Amino acid sequence: MDALSETLRVVRLVGAIFLHGRFTAPWCYQSPHADAAAPHLEPTAERVVIFHLITDGECWCELPDGQPPVHLNAGDAVIFPQGHAHRMSSTPGLPPASGARLQEVLSRRPRLLAYGGGGATTRLVCGYLACDARLAQLLLAGLPPVVKVGVRGSSAGDWLEASLRYALAEARSPRPGGAGVLAKLAEVLFIEVLRLHMNEQSEGRTGWLAGVHDRIVGAALRAMHSEPARAWTLEELARVACTSRSVLAERFQQLVGSAPMQYLAQWRMLLASNLLARSNAPLARVAEEVGYQTDTAFSRAFRREFGMPPAAWRRRQGNGGVPETKALGQR
């Protein structure tokens, strides 16, 4: 399994579509910072990432701080990795419409919203992906404030759009399960945007996704994610990546932001936290599955990463606590 698939398998994702809009020019609406929307979208989430898919027409996306507006056509999707507040409009520079409070708009999902001046029509779908801080720190590091991709040009694009239209219609029907289908499609759309962005990345990008896409670093990441319990050495990882130890270490640090062996230790801890939170496996078994010979050594490493022993961390998870952790690849 590749590193992206393995990472998405381990971390918890919760997606949903919260708005289905039909706007006629001129129009403009303000989307708040993700931190402001999170309590109304997914109260228990550590991080919320907003995305939009344009299904008909065209529009513009504007961010603060004087960044140039982004033009969007039907089939384009955008995500906001750092959660920036932004405006969606028919023409840049329009003032946003005043309307219901955010809590009222998001009280029913998906919310049907239609307004504007009666001109050209734009239809879009707005959704979010809620995740824990570790996923955000891992996947979104190094990404620009706005990530735009043409979903319609991908092999999955037509299927995704058709499925979203069907699921939106089902969500308004009396039959149960429509919201669940939309939630899964939101997750698929988010992952597809990441995959497409990886393929479109230009030279000079850094971050975990850039590392996955890199020939040398990607090979080392695949090896570590495929066999996390193996007693990897830098020399063995370099051999897998068909390069020297010095080249691998330098390239890995440049893209991911940490040394390969440091990353491996942190990835093992992420796996361990997943096992502790989702199973009742004994500590000795968890330690073995993530590459530690004794539960004592495992407990010592876990305490360094999470600030508490694994047994205490597991109890805290059961009580609904949300412990802090250092970012994988933290600079």
Protein backbone atom coordinates (compact mmCIF):
# COMPACT_ATOMS: atom_id res chain seq x y z
CA MET A 1 0.00 0.00 0.00
CA ASP A 2 1.32 3.47 -0.87
CA ALA A 3 2.10 6.02 1.84
CA LEU A 4 -0.93 8.25 1.16
CA SER A 5 -3.38 5.33 1.26
CA GLU A 6 -1.81 3.95 4.43
CA THR A 7 -1.94 7.33 6.13
CA LEU A 8 -5.59 7.86 5.20
CA ARG A 9 -6.37 4.38 6.52
CA VAL A 10 -4.83 5.15 9.90
CA VAL A 11 -6.20 8.60 10.64
CA ARG A 12 -9.88 9.37 11.20
CA LEU A 13 -11.71 11.36 8.52
CA VAL A 14 -15.23 12.75 8.78
CA GLY A 15 -16.65 14.53 5.75
CA ALA A 16 -19.94 16.20 4.89
CA ILE A 17 -21.58 18.43 2.31
CA PHE A 18 -23.15 21.43 4.05
CA LEU A 19 -24.31 23.71 1.22
CA HIS A 20 -25.71 23.36 -2.30
CA GLY A 21 -25.82 26.81 -3.86
CA ARG A 22 -27.40 28.33 -6.97
CA PHE A 23 -26.24 31.91 -7.48
CA THR A 24 -27.06 34.39 -10.24
CA ALA A 25 -24.80 37.33 -11.07
CA PRO A 26 -24.03 39.61 -9.43
CA TRP A 27 -23.49 37.71 -6.19
CA CYS A 28 -20.91 37.36 -3.40
CA TYR A 29 -20.80 35.48 -0.12
CA GLN A 30 -18.26 35.46 2.67
CA SER A 31 -16.96 32.17 4.03
CA PRO A 32 -15.50 32.52 7.55
CA HIS A 33 -12.22 31.09 8.80
CA ALA A 34 -12.52 27.33 9.29
CA ASP A 35 -11.95 27.72 13.03
CA ALA A 36 -15.09 29.86 13.26
CA ALA A 37 -17.15 27.37 11.24
CA ALA A 38 -15.82 24.23 12.96
CA PRO A 39 -18.05 24.39 16.08
CA HIS A 40 -21.12 24.45 13.82
CA LEU A 41 -19.85 21.83 11.37
CA GLU A 42 -18.09 19.22 13.52
CA PRO A 43 -17.83 20.28 17.18
CA THR A 44 -15.47 17.47 18.26
CA ALA A 45 -12.98 17.93 15.39
CA GLU A 46 -9.53 19.32 16.01
CA ARG A 47 -9.32 20.65 12.45
CA VAL A 48 -11.81 21.40 9.66
CA VAL A 49 -10.83 21.88 6.01
CA ILE A 50 -13.39 23.63 3.77
CA PHE A 51 -13.72 22.84 0.06
CA HIS A 52 -15.90 23.92 -2.87
CA LEU A 53 -16.76 22.18 -6.14
CA ILE A 54 -18.10 24.29 -9.01
CA THR A 55 -20.67 22.20 -10.90
CA ASP A 56 -22.02 24.82 -13.35
CA GLY A 57 -20.92 28.24 -14.53
CA GLU A 58 -17.91 30.15 -13.21
CA CYS A 59 -16.93 32.33 -10.27
CA TRP A 60 -14.02 33.89 -8.40
CA CYS A 61 -12.40 33.09 -5.08
CA GLU A 62 -10.77 35.92 -3.12
CA LEU A 63 -8.52 35.67 -0.07
CA PRO A 64 -7.42 38.49 2.22
CA ASP A 65 -3.96 40.10 2.32
CA GLY A 66 -4.00 41.25 -1.28
CA GLN A 67 -3.59 37.82 -2.86
CA PRO A 68 -4.77 37.69 -6.48
CA PRO A 69 -8.29 36.29 -7.00
CA VAL A 70 -8.59 32.75 -8.33
CA HIS A 71 -10.87 32.12 -11.31
CA LEU A 72 -12.93 28.93 -11.12
CA ASN A 73 -14.82 27.14 -13.87
CA ALA A 74 -17.28 24.26 -13.80
CA GLY A 75 -15.41 21.13 -12.73
CA ASP A 76 -12.87 23.00 -10.59
CA ALA A 77 -12.48 22.19 -6.90
CA VAL A 78 -10.70 24.29 -4.28
CA ILE A 79 -9.61 23.53 -0.73
CA PHE A 80 -8.19 25.88 1.88
CA PRO A 81 -5.46 23.96 3.76
CA GLN A 82 -4.85 26.67 6.38
CA GLY A 83 -8.55 27.44 6.82
CA HIS A 84 -8.42 31.00 5.46
CA ALA A 85 -11.57 33.10 5.36
CA HIS A 86 -12.49 33.80 1.74
CA ARG A 87 -15.11 35.22 -0.59
CA MET A 88 -16.81 33.47 -3.48
CA SER A 89 -18.32 35.82 -6.06
CA SER A 90 -19.39 36.35 -9.66
CA THR A 91 -16.90 39.23 -10.00
CA PRO A 92 -13.92 40.18 -7.79
CA GLY A 93 -14.42 43.14 -5.48
CA LEU A 94 -18.15 42.77 -4.80
CA PRO A 95 -19.35 43.27 -1.21
CA PRO A 96 -20.66 40.08 0.43
CA ALA A 97 -24.37 39.63 0.92
CA SER A 98 -25.78 39.99 4.42
CA GLY A 99 -28.00 37.18 5.58
CA ALA A 100 -28.70 34.65 8.29
CA ARG A 101 -26.18 33.91 10.99
CA LEU A 102 -23.70 31.14 10.32
CA GLN A 103 -25.32 28.85 12.89
CA GLU A 104 -28.69 29.19 11.15
CA VAL A 105 -27.23 28.56 7.69
CA LEU A 106 -25.50 25.40 8.88
CA SER A 107 -28.35 24.11 11.03
CA ARG A 108 -29.63 21.90 8.18
CA ARG A 109 -27.31 19.98 5.90
CA PRO A 110 -27.07 20.15 3.00
CA ARG A 111 -28.52 23.66 2.98
CA LEU A 112 -30.12 24.77 -0.28
CA LEU A 113 -29.17 28.37 -0.96
CA ALA A 114 -30.26 30.48 -3.93
CA TYR A 115 -29.81 34.21 -4.41
CA GLY A 116 -28.32 36.84 -6.70
CA GLY A 117 -29.18 39.48 -9.25
CA GLY A 118 -30.72 37.28 -11.93
CA GLY A 119 -27.77 37.10 -14.32
CA ALA A 120 -25.51 34.20 -15.27
CA THR A 121 -25.97 31.14 -13.07
CA THR A 122 -23.29 29.42 -11.01
CA ARG A 123 -23.91 26.26 -9.05
CA LEU A 124 -21.53 24.95 -6.44
CA VAL A 125 -21.29 22.42 -3.64
CA CYS A 126 -19.58 23.27 -0.36
CA GLY A 127 -18.27 20.67 2.02
CA TYR A 128 -15.72 20.02 4.71
CA LEU A 129 -13.40 17.36 5.98
CA ALA A 130 -12.91 17.10 9.73
CA CYS A 131 -9.79 15.41 11.04
CA ASP A 132 -7.44 15.35 13.98
CA ALA A 133 -4.48 17.68 14.16
CA ARG A 134 -2.02 14.96 13.17
CA LEU A 135 -3.62 14.45 9.76
CA ALA A 136 -3.69 18.17 9.10
CA GLN A 137 -0.06 18.57 10.14
CA LEU A 138 0.99 15.65 7.99
CA LEU A 139 -1.02 16.06 4.78
CA LEU A 140 -1.41 19.81 4.57
CA ALA A 141 2.09 21.01 5.44
CA GLY A 142 3.68 22.95 2.62
CA LEU A 143 0.45 23.52 0.68
CA PRO A 144 -0.47 27.03 -0.55
CA PRO A 145 -3.42 28.95 0.97
CA VAL A 146 -5.65 27.80 -1.92
CA VAL A 147 -5.34 24.50 -3.76
CA LYS A 148 -7.23 24.47 -7.08
CA VAL A 149 -7.54 21.42 -9.32
CA GLY A 150 -9.71 20.48 -12.29
CA VAL A 151 -11.62 17.47 -11.00
CA ARG A 152 -13.62 17.13 -14.22
CA GLY A 153 -10.45 16.35 -16.12
CA SER A 154 -9.59 13.38 -13.89
CA SER A 155 -10.66 9.77 -14.39
CA ALA A 156 -12.87 10.01 -11.30
CA GLY A 157 -14.29 13.45 -12.05
CA ASP A 158 -17.41 12.55 -14.01
CA TRP A 159 -18.29 9.79 -11.56
CA LEU A 160 -17.83 12.12 -8.59
CA GLU A 161 -20.03 14.86 -10.00
CA ALA A 162 -22.77 12.44 -11.03
CA SER A 163 -22.63 10.76 -7.62
CA LEU A 164 -22.85 14.10 -5.81
CA ARG A 165 -25.91 15.12 -7.81
CA TYR A 166 -27.58 11.81 -7.02
CA ALA A 167 -26.69 11.98 -3.33
CA LEU A 168 -27.91 15.59 -3.03
CA ALA A 169 -31.26 14.54 -4.47
CA GLU A 170 -31.37 11.55 -2.11
CA ALA A 171 -30.62 13.77 0.89
CA ARG A 172 -33.93 15.59 0.22
CA SER A 173 -35.89 12.36 -0.20
CA PRO A 174 -37.62 10.51 2.66
CA ARG A 175 -35.41 7.46 2.17
CA PRO A 176 -32.75 7.03 4.88
CA GLY A 177 -29.00 7.03 4.19
CA GLY A 178 -28.67 10.08 1.95
CA ALA A 179 -26.55 12.03 4.43
CA GLY A 180 -24.25 9.04 4.86
CA VAL A 181 -23.66 8.79 1.12
CA LEU A 182 -22.86 12.51 0.96
CA ALA A 183 -20.39 12.14 3.83
CA LYS A 184 -18.46 9.43 2.02
CA LEU A 185 -18.47 11.39 -1.24
CA ALA A 186 -17.07 14.42 0.59
CA GLU A 187 -14.16 12.29 1.78
CA VAL A 188 -13.57 10.87 -1.70
CA LEU A 189 -13.64 14.34 -3.26
CA PHE A 190 -11.10 15.67 -0.75
CA ILE A 191 -8.75 12.75 -1.36
CA GLU A 192 -9.09 13.14 -5.13
CA VAL A 193 -8.14 16.82 -4.85
CA LEU A 194 -5.00 15.85 -2.92
CA ARG A 195 -4.09 13.19 -5.48
CA LEU A 196 -4.56 15.56 -8.40
CA HIS A 197 -2.57 18.27 -6.66
CA MET A 198 0.30 15.84 -6.09
CA ASN A 199 0.48 15.17 -9.82
CA GLU A 200 0.39 18.88 -10.66
CA GLN A 201 2.98 20.08 -8.14
CA SER A 202 5.76 22.21 -9.53
CA GLU A 203 9.43 22.02 -8.65
CA GLY A 204 10.44 23.64 -5.39
CA ARG A 205 7.37 22.58 -3.38
CA THR A 206 7.95 21.16 0.08
CA GLY A 207 5.80 19.21 2.50
CA TRP A 208 4.75 15.62 3.01
CA LEU A 209 2.75 15.37 -0.24
CA ALA A 210 5.74 16.66 -2.17
CA GLY A 211 7.83 13.98 -0.47
CA VAL A 212 5.39 11.23 -1.43
CA HIS A 213 5.56 12.39 -5.05
CA ASP A 214 9.38 12.58 -5.07
CA ARG A 215 11.21 9.58 -6.56
CA ILE A 216 13.78 9.25 -3.75
CA VAL A 217 11.79 10.34 -0.71
CA GLY A 218 8.64 8.61 -1.95
CA ALA A 219 10.43 5.27 -2.14
CA ALA A 220 11.65 5.62 1.45
CA LEU A 221 8.18 6.63 2.66
CA ARG A 222 6.58 3.66 0.91
CA ALA A 223 9.06 1.33 2.58
CA MET A 224 8.46 2.72 6.06
CA HIS A 225 4.70 2.76 5.67
CA SER A 226 4.62 -0.77 4.24
CA GLU A 227 6.74 -2.29 7.02
CA PRO A 228 6.72 0.07 10.01
CA ALA A 229 7.83 -2.64 12.46
CA ARG A 230 10.94 -3.51 10.49
CA ALA A 231 14.26 -2.48 12.04
CA TRP A 232 15.03 0.03 9.31
CA THR A 233 18.38 1.76 9.09
CA LEU A 234 19.25 4.79 7.01
CA GLU A 235 21.47 2.59 4.87
CA GLU A 236 18.63 0.14 4.14
CA LEU A 237 16.23 2.96 3.28
CA ALA A 238 18.82 4.49 0.96
CA ARG A 239 19.23 1.13 -0.77
CA VAL A 240 15.46 0.90 -1.30
CA ALA A 241 15.47 4.44 -2.70
CA CYS A 242 18.46 3.64 -4.98
CA THR A 243 20.56 6.46 -3.61
CA SER A 244 23.18 7.22 -0.97
CA ARG A 245 22.52 7.81 2.70
CA SER A 246 23.61 11.44 2.47
CA VAL A 247 21.39 12.19 -0.53
CA LEU A 248 18.37 10.53 1.10
CA ALA A 249 18.91 12.32 4.41
CA GLU A 250 19.30 15.72 2.73
CA ARG A 251 16.37 15.27 0.37
CA PHE A 252 14.10 13.90 3.10
CA GLN A 253 14.91 16.81 5.43
CA GLN A 254 14.35 19.30 2.63
CA LEU A 255 10.90 18.02 1.66
CA VAL A 256 9.41 16.44 4.79
CA GLY A 257 11.14 18.58 7.38
CA SER A 258 12.68 15.82 9.49
CA ALA A 259 15.31 13.10 9.29
CA PRO A 260 14.12 9.70 7.95
CA MET A 261 14.63 7.87 11.24
CA GLN A 262 12.91 10.64 13.18
CA TYR A 263 9.97 10.41 10.81
CA LEU A 264 9.84 6.63 11.25
CA ALA A 265 9.71 6.98 15.03
CA GLN A 266 6.86 9.52 14.78
CA TRP A 267 4.95 7.41 12.25
CA ARG A 268 5.21 4.44 14.62
CA MET A 269 3.73 6.56 17.38
CA LEU A 270 0.84 7.59 15.14
CA LEU A 271 0.16 3.94 14.39
CA ALA A 272 0.40 3.10 18.07
CA SER A 273 -2.07 5.83 19.02
CA ASN A 274 -4.49 4.48 16.42
CA LEU A 275 -4.23 0.95 17.82
CA LEU A 276 -4.64 2.17 21.40
CA ALA A 277 -7.68 4.29 20.56
CA ARG A 278 -9.48 1.73 18.39
CA SER A 279 -8.67 -1.59 20.02
CA ASN A 280 -8.15 -3.29 23.38
CA ALA A 281 -4.89 -4.89 22.30
CA PRO A 282 -2.38 -5.36 25.15
CA LEU A 283 0.48 -2.88 25.27
CA ALA A 284 3.01 -5.61 24.48
CA ARG A 285 1.18 -6.44 21.27
CA VAL A 286 0.91 -2.79 20.25
CA ALA A 287 4.61 -2.35 20.94
CA GLU A 288 5.48 -5.33 18.76
CA GLU A 289 3.28 -4.18 15.87
CA VAL A 290 5.02 -0.80 15.71
CA GLY A 291 8.56 -2.12 15.97
CA TYR A 292 9.50 -2.16 19.67
CA GLN A 293 10.97 -5.26 21.28
CA THR A 294 9.70 -4.49 24.77
CA ASP A 295 6.71 -2.61 26.12
CA THR A 296 9.11 -0.68 28.37
CA ALA A 297 10.95 0.79 25.39
CA PHE A 298 7.63 1.45 23.69
CA SER A 299 6.20 3.22 26.75
CA ARG A 300 9.29 5.40 27.01
CA ALA A 301 9.04 6.44 23.34
CA PHE A 302 5.30 7.01 23.59
CA ARG A 303 5.71 9.25 26.64
CA ARG A 304 8.27 11.36 24.76
CA GLU A 305 5.82 11.88 21.88
CA PHE A 306 2.51 12.31 23.74
CA GLY A 307 3.61 13.46 27.17
CA MET A 308 2.06 10.52 29.03
CA PRO A 309 2.32 6.69 29.17
CA PRO A 310 0.28 4.74 26.59
CA ALA A 311 -2.08 3.26 29.20
CA ALA A 312 -2.94 6.72 30.52
CA TRP A 313 -3.36 8.04 26.98
CA ARG A 314 -5.76 5.20 26.16
CA ARG A 315 -7.84 5.93 29.26
CA ARG A 316 -7.97 9.60 28.34
CA GLN A 317 -9.23 8.73 24.86
CA GLY A 318 -11.96 6.66 26.44
CA ASN A 319 -12.96 9.68 28.50
CA GLY A 320 -13.15 11.86 25.41
CA GLY A 321 -9.92 13.76 26.00
CA VAL A 322 -7.90 15.04 23.08
CA PRO A 323 -4.17 14.95 23.87
CA GLU A 324 -1.68 17.02 21.99
CA THR A 325 1.03 15.54 19.80
CA LYS A 326 3.94 16.88 17.84
CA ALA A 327 3.56 17.13 14.10
CA LEU A 328 5.06 14.52 11.84
CA GLY A 329 7.73 16.24 9.85
CA GLN A 330 7.60 19.26 12.15
CA ARG A 331 10.22 21.80 11.24
